[in-house]
C-alpha atoms as a PDB file:
ATOM      1  CA  UNK A   1       0.048   0.464  -0.097  1.00  0.00           C
ATOM      2  CA  UNK A   2       1.350   3.255  -0.559  1.00  0.00           C
ATOM      3  CA  UNK A   3       1.266   6.428   1.786  1.00  0.00           C
ATOM      4  CA  UNK A   4      -1.284   8.338   0.128  1.00  0.00           C
ATOM      5  CA  UNK A   5      -3.582   7.531   3.686  1.00  0.00           C
ATOM      6  CA  UNK A   6      -1.212   8.671   5.844  1.00  0.00           C
ATOM      7  CA  UNK A   7      -0.891  11.893   4.055  1.00  0.00           C
ATOM      8  CA  UNK A   8      -5.007  12.008   4.141  1.00  0.00           C
ATOM      9  CA  UNK A   9      -5.411  11.231   7.446  1.00  0.00           C
ATOM     10  CA  UNK A  10      -2.984  13.602   8.985  1.00  0.00           C
ATOM     11  CA  UNK A  11      -4.822  16.580   6.131  1.00  0.00           C
ATOM     12  CA  UNK A  12      -8.256  15.610   7.749  1.00  0.00           C
ATOM     13  CA  UNK A  13      -6.600  16.028  11.479  1.00  0.00           C
ATOM     14  CA  UNK A  14      -5.196  19.129  10.879  1.00  0.00           C
ATOM     15  CA  UNK A  15      -8.289  20.360   9.114  1.00  0.00           C
ATOM     16  CA  UNK A  16     -10.925  19.551  11.238  1.00  0.00           C
ATOM     17  CA  UNK A  17      -7.613  21.328  14.087  1.00  0.00           C
ATOM     18  CA  UNK A  18      -8.601  24.353  11.929  1.00  0.00           C
ATOM     19  CA  UNK A  19     -12.178  23.959  11.747  1.00  0.00           C
ATOM     20  CA  UNK A  20     -12.504  23.734  15.264  1.00  0.00           C
ATOM     21  CA  UNK A  21     -13.160  27.804  16.262  1.00  0.00           C
ATOM     22  CA  UNK A  22     -15.710  28.056  12.974  1.00  0.00           C
ATOM     23  CA  UNK A  23     -17.603  25.359  14.416  1.00  0.00           C
ATOM     24  CA  UNK A  24     -17.664  26.948  17.782  1.00  0.00           C
ATOM     25  CA  UNK A  25     -18.630  30.092  16.824  1.00  0.00           C
ATOM     26  CA  UNK A  26     -21.373  29.203  14.654  1.00  0.00           C
ATOM     27  CA  UNK A  27     -23.117  26.975  17.259  1.00  0.00           C
ATOM     28  CA  UNK A  28     -22.087  28.535  20.395  1.00  0.00           C
ATOM     29  CA  UNK A  29     -20.361  26.156  21.914  1.00  0.00           C
ATOM     30  CA  UNK A  30     -18.129  26.469  25.466  1.00  0.00           C
ATOM     31  CA  UNK A  31     -15.171  25.938  23.377  1.00  0.00           C
ATOM     32  CA  UNK A  32     -13.209  29.016  24.633  1.00  0.00           C
ATOM     33  CA  UNK A  33      -9.806  27.330  24.593  1.00  0.00           C
ATOM     34  CA  UNK A  34     -10.422  27.447  20.664  1.00  0.00           C
ATOM     35  CA  UNK A  35     -10.420  31.639  21.138  1.00  0.00           C
ATOM     36  CA  UNK A  36      -6.626  31.328  21.331  1.00  0.00           C
ATOM     37  CA  UNK A  37      -4.684  33.269  19.060  1.00  0.00           C
ATOM     38  CA  UNK A  38      -3.235  30.609  16.981  1.00  0.00           C
ATOM     39  CA  UNK A  39      -6.253  28.876  16.228  1.00  0.00           C
ATOM     40  CA  UNK A  40      -8.590  32.405  15.301  1.00  0.00           C
ATOM     41  CA  UNK A  41      -5.532  33.031  13.055  1.00  0.00           C
ATOM     42  CA  UNK A  42      -5.146  29.570  11.601  1.00  0.00           C
ATOM     43  CA  UNK A  43      -9.121  29.523  10.883  1.00  0.00           C
ATOM     44  CA  UNK A  44      -9.163  33.114   9.308  1.00  0.00           C
ATOM     45  CA  UNK A  45      -6.735  32.129   7.225  1.00  0.00           C
ATOM     46  CA  UNK A  46      -8.659  29.048   6.255  1.00  0.00           C
ATOM     47  CA  UNK A  47     -11.599  31.225   5.522  1.00  0.00           C
ATOM     48  CA  UNK A  48      -9.922  34.209   3.324  1.00  0.00           C
ATOM     49  CA  UNK A  49      -9.251  31.251   1.467  1.00  0.00           C
ATOM     50  CA  UNK A  50     -12.371  29.601   0.990  1.00  0.00           C
ATOM     51  CA  UNK A  51     -13.568  33.777   0.197  1.00  0.00           C
ATOM     52  CA  UNK A  52     -10.775  33.621  -2.470  1.00  0.00           C
ATOM     53  CA  UNK A  53     -12.307  30.754  -4.027  1.00  0.00           C
ATOM     54  CA  UNK A  54     -15.167  31.541  -3.859  1.00  0.00           C
ATOM     55  CA  UNK A  55     -15.208  35.043  -5.412  1.00  0.00           C
ATOM     56  CA  UNK A  56     -13.071  33.764  -8.410  1.00  0.00           C
ATOM     57  CA  UNK A  57     -16.422  30.824  -8.523  1.00  0.00           C
ATOM     58  CA  UNK A  58     -18.367  34.203  -8.962  1.00  0.00           C
ATOM     59  CA  UNK A  59     -16.187  35.958 -11.695  1.00  0.00           C
ATOM     60  CA  UNK A  60     -15.229  33.070 -13.558  1.00  0.00           C
ATOM     61  CA  UNK A  61     -19.357  32.537 -14.334  1.00  0.00           C
ATOM     62  CA  UNK A  62     -19.957  35.947 -14.812  1.00  0.00           C
ATOM     63  CA  UNK A  63     -17.380  36.563 -17.408  1.00  0.00           C
ATOM     64  CA  UNK A  64     -18.763  33.748 -19.255  1.00  0.00           C
ATOM     65  CA  UNK A  65     -22.173  35.085 -19.308  1.00  0.00           C
ATOM     66  CA  UNK A  66     -20.813  37.938 -20.624  1.00  0.00           C
ATOM     67  CA  UNK A  67     -20.328  40.547 -17.183  1.00  0.00           C
ATOM     68  CA  UNK A  68     -17.178  42.033 -16.616  1.00  0.00           C
ATOM     69  CA  UNK A  69     -16.734  41.610 -13.035  1.00  0.00           C
ATOM     70  CA  UNK A  70     -13.701  42.195 -10.603  1.00  0.00           C
ATOM     71  CA  UNK A  71     -13.573  39.825  -7.407  1.00  0.00           C
ATOM     72  CA  UNK A  72     -13.089  41.774  -4.326  1.00  0.00           C
ATOM     73  CA  UNK A  73     -12.450  40.889  -0.541  1.00  0.00           C
ATOM     74  CA  UNK A  74     -15.270  43.068   1.696  1.00  0.00           C
ATOM     75  CA  UNK A  75     -13.008  43.508   4.767  1.00  0.00           C
ATOM     76  CA  UNK A  76     -15.937  46.064   6.373  1.00  0.00           C
ATOM     77  CA  UNK A  77     -18.718  42.981   6.743  1.00  0.00           C
ATOM     78  CA  UNK A  78     -16.545  40.293   5.621  1.00  0.00           C
ATOM     79  CA  UNK A  79     -16.167  38.121   3.280  1.00  0.00           C
ATOM     80  CA  UNK A  80     -16.057  38.890  -0.154  1.00  0.00           C
ATOM     81  CA  UNK A  81     -18.156  40.607  -3.713  1.00  0.00           C
ATOM     82  CA  UNK A  82     -17.580  40.306  -7.532  1.00  0.00           C
ATOM     83  CA  UNK A  83     -19.017  43.545  -8.698  1.00  0.00           C
ATOM     84  CA  UNK A  84     -20.398  43.916 -12.140  1.00  0.00           C
ATOM     85  CA  UNK A  85     -18.883  46.945 -14.007  1.00  0.00           C
ATOM     86  CA  UNK A  86     -20.759  46.520 -16.473  1.00  0.00           C
ATOM     87  CA  UNK A  87     -24.556  45.135 -17.723  1.00  0.00           C
ATOM     88  CA  UNK A  88     -24.620  41.868 -19.405  1.00  0.00           C
ATOM     89  CA  UNK A  89     -22.469  41.434 -23.340  1.00  0.00           C
ATOM     90  CA  UNK A  90     -22.941  39.894 -26.476  1.00  0.00           C
ATOM     91  CA  UNK A  91     -19.496  40.464 -27.286  1.00  0.00           C
ATOM     92  CA  UNK A  92     -17.594  39.365 -23.866  1.00  0.00           C
ATOM     93  CA  UNK A  93     -19.935  36.241 -23.583  1.00  0.00           C
ATOM     94  CA  UNK A  94     -18.899  35.210 -27.017  1.00  0.00           C
ATOM     95  CA  UNK A  95     -15.256  35.795 -26.659  1.00  0.00           C
ATOM     96  CA  UNK A  96     -15.624  33.631 -23.701  1.00  0.00           C
ATOM     97  CA  UNK A  97     -17.418  31.040 -25.551  1.00  0.00           C
ATOM     98  CA  UNK A  98     -14.816  31.182 -28.294  1.00  0.00           C
ATOM     99  CA  UNK A  99     -12.234  30.398 -25.742  1.00  0.00           C
ATOM    100  CA  UNK A 100     -13.773  27.612 -24.200  1.00  0.00           C
ATOM    101  CA  UNK A 101     -13.988  26.181 -27.883  1.00  0.00           C
ATOM    102  CA  UNK A 102     -10.720  26.892 -28.602  1.00  0.00           C
ATOM    103  CA  UNK A 103      -9.871  25.231 -25.181  1.00  0.00           C
ATOM    104  CA  UNK A 104     -11.534  22.079 -26.180  1.00  0.00           C
ATOM    105  CA  UNK A 105      -9.663  22.062 -29.299  1.00  0.00           C
ATOM    106  CA  UNK A 106      -6.276  21.621 -27.393  1.00  0.00           C
ATOM    107  CA  UNK A 107      -7.472  19.800 -24.999  1.00  0.00           C
ATOM    108  CA  UNK A 108      -8.621  17.412 -27.970  1.00  0.00           C
ATOM    109  CA  UNK A 109      -6.396  14.032 -27.156  1.00  0.00           C
ATOM    110  CA  UNK A 110      -7.260  14.797 -23.398  1.00  0.00           C
ATOM    111  CA  UNK A 111     -11.146  13.662 -23.937  1.00  0.00           C
ATOM    112  CA  UNK A 112     -12.833  14.041 -20.472  1.00  0.00           C
ATOM    113  CA  UNK A 113     -10.949  17.420 -20.289  1.00  0.00           C
ATOM    114  CA  UNK A 114     -12.527  18.486 -23.937  1.00  0.00           C
ATOM    115  CA  UNK A 115     -15.610  16.938 -23.151  1.00  0.00           C
ATOM    116  CA  UNK A 116     -15.945  18.490 -20.122  1.00  0.00           C
ATOM    117  CA  UNK A 117     -15.152  21.706 -22.089  1.00  0.00           C
ATOM    118  CA  UNK A 118     -17.735  21.113 -24.020  1.00  0.00           C
ATOM    119  CA  UNK A 119     -20.473  20.453 -21.834  1.00  0.00           C
ATOM    120  CA  UNK A 120     -19.725  23.808 -20.071  1.00  0.00           C
ATOM    121  CA  UNK A 121     -20.052  26.047 -23.287  1.00  0.00           C
ATOM    122  CA  UNK A 122     -22.944  24.205 -24.098  1.00  0.00           C
ATOM    123  CA  UNK A 123     -24.804  25.478 -21.135  1.00  0.00           C
ATOM    124  CA  UNK A 124     -23.407  28.442 -21.300  1.00  0.00           C
ATOM    125  CA  UNK A 125     -24.706  29.391 -24.361  1.00  0.00           C
ATOM    126  CA  UNK A 126     -28.257  27.324 -23.422  1.00  0.00           C
ATOM    127  CA  UNK A 127     -28.485  29.421 -20.171  1.00  0.00           C
ATOM    128  CA  UNK A 128     -27.680  32.560 -21.005  1.00  0.00           C
ATOM    129  CA  UNK A 129     -30.382  33.649 -22.579  1.00  0.00           C
ATOM    130  CA  UNK A 130     -32.631  33.225 -19.165  1.00  0.00           C
ATOM    131  CA  UNK A 131     -31.795  36.047 -16.785  1.00  0.00           C
ATOM    132  CA  UNK A 132     -32.822  33.970 -13.311  1.00  0.00           C
ATOM    133  CA  UNK A 133     -31.398  31.066 -14.507  1.00  0.00           C
ATOM    134  CA  UNK A 134     -27.910  32.662 -15.368  1.00  0.00           C
ATOM    135  CA  UNK A 135     -27.432  34.750 -12.568  1.00  0.00           C
ATOM    136  CA  UNK A 136     -29.126  31.980 -10.380  1.00  0.00           C
ATOM    137  CA  UNK A 137     -25.501  30.180 -12.058  1.00  0.00           C
ATOM    138  CA  UNK A 138     -23.323  32.857 -10.971  1.00  0.00           C
ATOM    139  CA  UNK A 139     -24.654  33.406  -7.205  1.00  0.00           C
ATOM    140  CA  UNK A 140     -24.490  29.742  -6.769  1.00  0.00           C
ATOM    141  CA  UNK A 141     -20.872  28.588  -8.539  1.00  0.00           C
ATOM    142  CA  UNK A 142     -19.359  31.304  -5.371  1.00  0.00           C
ATOM    143  CA  UNK A 143     -20.199  28.397  -2.805  1.00  0.00           C
ATOM    144  CA  UNK A 144     -20.496  25.718  -5.857  1.00  0.00           C
ATOM    145  CA  UNK A 145     -16.876  26.983  -6.362  1.00  0.00           C
ATOM    146  CA  UNK A 146     -15.399  25.936  -2.701  1.00  0.00           C
ATOM    147  CA  UNK A 147     -16.263  22.856  -2.983  1.00  0.00           C
ATOM    148  CA  UNK A 148     -15.144  22.036  -6.712  1.00  0.00           C
ATOM    149  CA  UNK A 149     -11.637  23.463  -5.197  1.00  0.00           C
ATOM    150  CA  UNK A 150     -11.560  21.532  -2.274  1.00  0.00           C
ATOM    151  CA  UNK A 151     -12.656  18.109  -4.579  1.00  0.00           C
ATOM    152  CA  UNK A 152      -9.850  19.321  -6.899  1.00  0.00           C
ATOM    153  CA  UNK A 153      -6.772  19.406  -4.385  1.00  0.00           C
ATOM    154  CA  UNK A 154      -7.945  16.414  -2.671  1.00  0.00           C
ATOM    155  CA  UNK A 155      -7.297  14.288  -5.666  1.00  0.00           C
ATOM    156  CA  UNK A 156      -4.195  15.965  -6.216  1.00  0.00           C
ATOM    157  CA  UNK A 157      -3.548  14.491  -2.075  1.00  0.00           C
ATOM    158  CA  UNK A 158      -4.188  11.228  -3.133  1.00  0.00           C
ATOM    159  CA  UNK A 159      -3.660  10.343  -6.921  1.00  0.00           C
ATOM    160  CA  UNK A 160      -0.057  12.119  -5.941  1.00  0.00           C
ATOM    161  CA  UNK A 161       0.141  14.636  -8.534  1.00  0.00           C
ATOM    162  CA  UNK A 162       1.799  17.679  -6.169  1.00  0.00           C
ATOM    163  CA  UNK A 163       5.026  19.103  -8.091  1.00  0.00           C
ATOM    164  CA  UNK A 164       6.029  20.366  -4.898  1.00  0.00           C
ATOM    165  CA  UNK A 165       6.250  17.240  -3.196  1.00  0.00           C
ATOM    166  CA  UNK A 166       5.657  16.031   0.126  1.00  0.00           C
ATOM    167  CA  UNK A 167       4.640  19.083   1.635  1.00  0.00           C
ATOM    168  CA  UNK A 168       2.332  20.757  -1.126  1.00  0.00           C
ATOM    169  CA  UNK A 169       0.667  16.859  -1.314  1.00  0.00           C
ATOM    170  CA  UNK A 170       0.048  17.542   2.488  1.00  0.00           C
ATOM    171  CA  UNK A 171      -1.229  21.527   2.138  1.00  0.00           C
ATOM    172  CA  UNK A 172      -3.485  19.548  -0.687  1.00  0.00           C
ATOM    173  CA  UNK A 173      -5.598  17.597   1.964  1.00  0.00           C
ATOM    174  CA  UNK A 174      -5.274  19.820   4.650  1.00  0.00           C
ATOM    175  CA  UNK A 175      -6.868  22.498   2.346  1.00  0.00           C
ATOM    176  CA  UNK A 176      -9.678  20.438   0.867  1.00  0.00           C
ATOM    177  CA  UNK A 177     -10.862  18.588   3.973  1.00  0.00           C
ATOM    178  CA  UNK A 178     -10.426  22.172   5.609  1.00  0.00           C
ATOM    179  CA  UNK A 179     -12.487  23.838   3.102  1.00  0.00           C
ATOM    180  CA  UNK A 180     -14.987  20.883   2.880  1.00  0.00           C
ATOM    181  CA  UNK A 181     -15.798  20.783   6.127  1.00  0.00           C
ATOM    182  CA  UNK A 182     -15.946  24.183   6.413  1.00  0.00           C
ATOM    183  CA  UNK A 183     -19.183  23.510   3.618  1.00  0.00           C
ATOM    184  CA  UNK A 184     -20.618  21.137   5.435  1.00  0.00           C
ATOM    185  CA  UNK A 185     -20.265  23.303   9.612  1.00  0.00           C
ATOM    186  CA  UNK A 186     -22.062  25.956   7.635  1.00  0.00           C
ATOM    187  CA  UNK A 187     -24.720  24.563   5.140  1.00  0.00           C
ATOM    188  CA  UNK A 188     -26.185  22.221   7.875  1.00  0.00           C
ATOM    189  CA  UNK A 189     -26.102  25.321  10.341  1.00  0.00           C
ATOM    190  CA  UNK A 190     -28.123  27.005   7.381  1.00  0.00           C
ATOM    191  CA  UNK A 191     -30.459  24.175   7.799  1.00  0.00           C
ATOM    192  CA  UNK A 192     -30.605  23.331  11.528  1.00  0.00           C
ATOM    193  CA  UNK A 193     -29.511  26.458  13.115  1.00  0.00           C
ATOM    194  CA  UNK A 194     -32.663  29.666  13.425  1.00  0.00           C
ATOM    195  CA  UNK A 195     -29.842  31.984  14.386  1.00  0.00           C
ATOM    196  CA  UNK A 196     -27.391  30.906  11.922  1.00  0.00           C
ATOM    197  CA  UNK A 197     -29.887  31.748   9.449  1.00  0.00           C
ATOM    198  CA  UNK A 198     -30.737  34.892  10.450  1.00  0.00           C
ATOM    199  CA  UNK A 199     -26.903  36.202  10.270  1.00  0.00           C
ATOM    200  CA  UNK A 200     -27.108  34.942   6.236  1.00  0.00           C
ATOM    201  CA  UNK A 201     -30.214  36.511   5.673  1.00  0.00           C
ATOM    202  CA  UNK A 202     -28.757  39.915   7.379  1.00  0.00           C
ATOM    203  CA  UNK A 203     -25.144  39.947   5.835  1.00  0.00           C
ATOM    204  CA  UNK A 204     -23.375  42.825   5.104  1.00  0.00           C
ATOM    205  CA  UNK A 205     -26.367  45.475   6.906  1.00  0.00           C
ATOM    206  CA  UNK A 206     -28.793  44.196   3.604  1.00  0.00           C
ATOM    207  CA  UNK A 207     -31.371  41.787   3.794  1.00  0.00           C
ATOM    208  CA  UNK A 208     -31.445  38.307   1.759  1.00  0.00           C
ATOM    209  CA  UNK A 209     -28.212  39.561  -0.015  1.00  0.00           C
ATOM    210  CA  UNK A 210     -26.511  36.030   0.632  1.00  0.00           C
ATOM    211  CA  UNK A 211     -26.197  33.869  -2.855  1.00  0.00           C
ATOM    212  CA  UNK A 212     -29.027  31.091  -1.138  1.00  0.00           C
ATOM    213  CA  UNK A 213     -31.433  33.842  -0.464  1.00  0.00           C
ATOM    214  CA  UNK A 214     -30.883  35.099  -3.687  1.00  0.00           C
ATOM    215  CA  UNK A 215     -31.588  32.043  -5.629  1.00  0.00           C
ATOM    216  CA  UNK A 216     -33.768  30.530  -3.492  1.00  0.00           C
ATOM    217  CA  UNK A 217     -36.284  34.185  -4.690  1.00  0.00           C
ATOM    218  CA  UNK A 218     -35.817  33.395  -8.070  1.00  0.00           C
ATOM    219  CA  UNK A 219     -36.865  29.579  -7.830  1.00  0.00           C
ATOM    220  CA  UNK A 220     -39.989  29.735  -4.770  1.00  0.00           C
ATOM    221  CA  UNK A 221     -40.534  26.039  -5.217  1.00  0.00           C
ATOM    222  CA  UNK A 222     -36.595  25.392  -4.936  1.00  0.00           C
ATOM    223  CA  UNK A 223     -36.743  27.103  -1.478  1.00  0.00           C
ATOM    224  CA  UNK A 224     -33.644  28.226   0.764  1.00  0.00           C
ATOM    225  CA  UNK A 225     -33.641  24.775   1.809  1.00  0.00           C
ATOM    226  CA  UNK A 226     -33.479  23.044  -1.459  1.00  0.00           C
ATOM    227  CA  UNK A 227     -30.883  24.980  -2.329  1.00  0.00           C
ATOM    228  CA  UNK A 228     -28.564  24.901   0.514  1.00  0.00           C
ATOM    229  CA  UNK A 229     -29.367  20.613   0.286  1.00  0.00           C
ATOM    230  CA  UNK A 230     -27.938  21.239  -3.356  1.00  0.00           C
ATOM    231  CA  UNK A 231     -24.832  22.781  -2.516  1.00  0.00           C
ATOM    232  CA  UNK A 232     -24.026  19.896   0.592  1.00  0.00           C
ATOM    233  CA  UNK A 233     -24.770  16.858  -2.434  1.00  0.00           C
ATOM    234  CA  UNK A 234     -22.144  18.999  -4.721  1.00  0.00           C
ATOM    235  CA  UNK A 235     -19.855  18.826  -1.384  1.00  0.00           C
ATOM    236  CA  UNK A 236     -20.558  14.657  -0.746  1.00  0.00           C
ATOM    237  CA  UNK A 237     -19.590  14.293  -4.340  1.00  0.00           C
ATOM    238  CA  UNK A 238     -16.517  16.580  -4.081  1.00  0.00           C
ATOM    239  CA  UNK A 239     -15.446  14.267  -0.970  1.00  0.00           C
ATOM    240  CA  UNK A 240     -16.732  11.462  -2.487  1.00  0.00           C
ATOM    241  CA  UNK A 241     -14.946  11.512  -6.073  1.00  0.00           C
ATOM    242  CA  UNK A 242     -11.184  11.967  -5.403  1.00  0.00           C
ATOM    243  CA  UNK A 243     -11.205   8.646  -3.476  1.00  0.00           C
ATOM    244  CA  UNK A 244     -12.979   6.984  -6.668  1.00  0.00           C
ATOM    245  CA  UNK A 245     -10.624   8.423  -9.051  1.00  0.00           C
ATOM    246  CA  UNK A 246      -7.977   6.909  -6.563  1.00  0.00           C
ATOM    247  CA  UNK A 247      -9.577   3.903  -6.094  1.00  0.00           C
ATOM    248  CA  UNK A 248      -9.588   3.351 -10.041  1.00  0.00           C
ATOM    249  CA  UNK A 249      -6.208   3.944 -10.238  1.00  0.00           C
ATOM    250  CA  UNK A 250      -4.621   1.096  -8.098  1.00  0.00           C
ATOM    251  CA  UNK A 251      -7.490  -1.414 -10.019  1.00  0.00           C
ATOM    252  CA  UNK A 252      -5.660   0.471 -13.261  1.00  0.00           C
ATOM    253  CA  UNK A 253      -1.844  -0.236 -11.655  1.00  0.00           C
ATOM    254  CA  UNK A 254      -3.422  -3.614 -10.517  1.00  0.00           C
END
């Protein structure tokens, strides 16, 4: 057996340690020992890493749908913002589709990547004319990007495809598990913790500004809980797929 499980086990334990202050804060636990500088600073760094990928997710999909957008941190209220500088531009959307098409052509020898880009291009093209759908995708791909990036990091750790060696491999495991644990902590809190749900609803001094609130307002039958549940299902997939790929890789090696 290779040493993948050692890296994953160490990454898992460190990620749990890093997320204890967040769990303490959200669920008002009597874990005051987590409020020391080292644990609080480490948890805050992990939170801002997740925020970075969150805002990049919003920004990427906004550009794909034709909205020139800039990601920024929001140090006043916490978290971040993805600010669209103009309205939707068909020129920008056409350029984005052209880039996706060219990328699929360049990756034609790597069938899974080519198919993935082709599906993305068709999806963007098909949903770009419905404002409710494409704005909901832009909103969802903030939190969605957190889970997807975490899954990518876990895949790198499990399959040992980190060019930086053992240190980078361990960090991939730590940040992959750490970001996914944040998703699960926040997601289940949004479904079960009324106080945290209210904090989310009133974020940035407004009402209903959160990504899930905006999506739920556009699709009333789905509701807030339905949107959060989709996020949690995505996170479960991003946790499971790397291990499936690892199992497939080990089986191929015989």
